[in-house]
Amino acid sequence: MSSSSTQNYNYSSDSRTNGSDGRYASRNHPNITPHLLTNIPPSDNDAQLFLEVLRNFTVQEAFLQKEIPFLEATLTRRRAELLQAQEVIRQHKLALSPVRRLPTELLVEIFLHVLGSEDSEDVLELSRGLWPLSQVCGSWRSAILDHTPFWTTVYLPWRRQYPQYAVHILSLFLERSRSKPIIVDFTCRGRGTSDFTRAILGVLMSQSNRWETCRLTIPVELLADLADSRVVRRADTIRHLDLSLDLPFGSPVAGLYDIFAEAGALRSIKLSGFPNISPTTLRLPWSQLTRYQATQDFPELHLTILRLTSSLEECSLESSRPWHRVPPPTDVLHLPKLRRLNLEGTAVLLLQFLTTPNLRSLGVDNPEEGRIQSFLARSNCRLQGLEIESTPMGSDVLDALRRTPDLVKLVLNLALPRNSTVFKELLTALKYVPDKPEECKLLHLKELHLSVYHSGDGLCANELAAMIMSRWRFSGHPTAQKDLARLKCFTLETNSYWLPVFDTLKELNHEGLDTFIKLR
């Protein structure tokens, strides 16, 4: 028994078992776990071995209890030294950075690229935008402060509460723009009006003689403040006004608001949120406008303003409700300079009351059958761009295309009725057949954008691809080279799974046709 026990618990004579300080205490000690599972006492030899191991590890325990606090203190000290070394390295790398040697002109270009690639920053947000950039170093600060165009966009989004330093920061921002024309973008919701808000607007109005573009979303109370300001009324540099009235639903606008009435440079106006835009509610220099965009409930309300804007070149109108009072059929407006017209919602009803001989681009939503044709016939214009939303699609779309042979760009947003053939007829009309060039419509077309919602096989994908190919791959046909303009851009957005024919269309990108297909 004793011999067997000694054999079980003996260990290598090469193991270190000496060292009074515990530094060399054995790491290879007998495995006594099997012995602990029994009640048999160790033999004399085993007991001697166990005592030797016990003495060695007791010494090692005492040594480690003293050594570990020392090592922990050393590790803490070394970590602190590492952080200090890393900070010194960082500082010296910054000091030696090539960026510090960049000329001011190049720094300005970099800042323009960085700031221009992001949305405008709130001028009161000190942790973003120009403020932190100007604190990096002296050269950056000088570059930013000396380039006044950085400080010419004053963006103030809506806040529930303004910081106490707001007036000071805004004044400093405006001061750094010096005498340059500025872009003002200020938003205040109706419930956010306060004396502090008026103070912010007051600082902006004090610089209205430098406003070039002004975007305001304000309640009626602040609109009254604008109207009461003689400085705002005579702002002589403003060219574009985007005014949105934050008005509770159903609330009227009482009184006449005289704003920018004497602004001689004002040419572009966008208005929204007004229940009724008329000369009796807003006094603006209507006759000098070249661009006008507005939203009103009833379409006939737009006619009142259009009578005052004979110089318009671009116009976009939107309405959400049908006629409140239908104008007499003879009440037709002549807009001789209008080149771009967009009618959304029920504003499309205005087509029957407009004549635009120089129109080049038209966009309409769900026009009544025959309205586009009669409008084009009456105006006798040569459209180059046409955008139609037709849901559901009817034959009037194809009829309108027959009236616009000079189109260069066509945008169609269509919903195809089940079992309808109108879309297939459209594709047939647009397909170029060399032997029958007279049957192809829109020979000058270079851009085609389609958004098609369909059910079943209404998309006619194969016919669509054949039409596109016919307007792209025709280099071998001398008649086509003479009569047909090559398609340059084609986009398709539709509710479909990916079809093999789409791969064929996508391959045209490699041939030079800008093709984009999006499935929804």
Foldseek 3Di string as FASTA:
>chain_A
DQVVLCVQFDDDPPFDLDDQQLPRHGPDGGDCVVVVVDPDDHDPNVVVSVVSNVNSVVSNVVNCVVVVVVVVVVVVVVVVVVVVVVVVVVVVCVVVPCVVVDDLVVLLVVLCVVCVVDPDDALLPCVDDPNVQLVPDPSSVCSSLVPLVSLQEHAHEEDLDHDPCVLVSNLVSVVSNPQAAHAEAHEYAPVSDDPVVVSVVVSVLVNLLRHAHYAYEEELVVLQVQQPDPSQLQNARYAEYEYEYNDPPPDAQDFARRGVLNHPNHAEYEYENHQADANGHYRHQLQRHQYYEYEYAELVSVVRSVVNHLNHAEYEYEHAYYHPDDDDLVQADENARHAYYEYYHNNLVCLSRYAYQAHAEYHYEAHDAPSLVVSCVRNVHAYQYYEYEHEADDLSVVVNQVSHQNHAEYHYEHEYDPPDCNVVVVLQQCAADLVCRVSHGNQNYAYYEYEYEYPDCVVVLVSNLNRLCRLAPDVVRPSSVVRHDRHAEYEYEYADDDDPSVVVVVVCVVVRRHYYYHHD
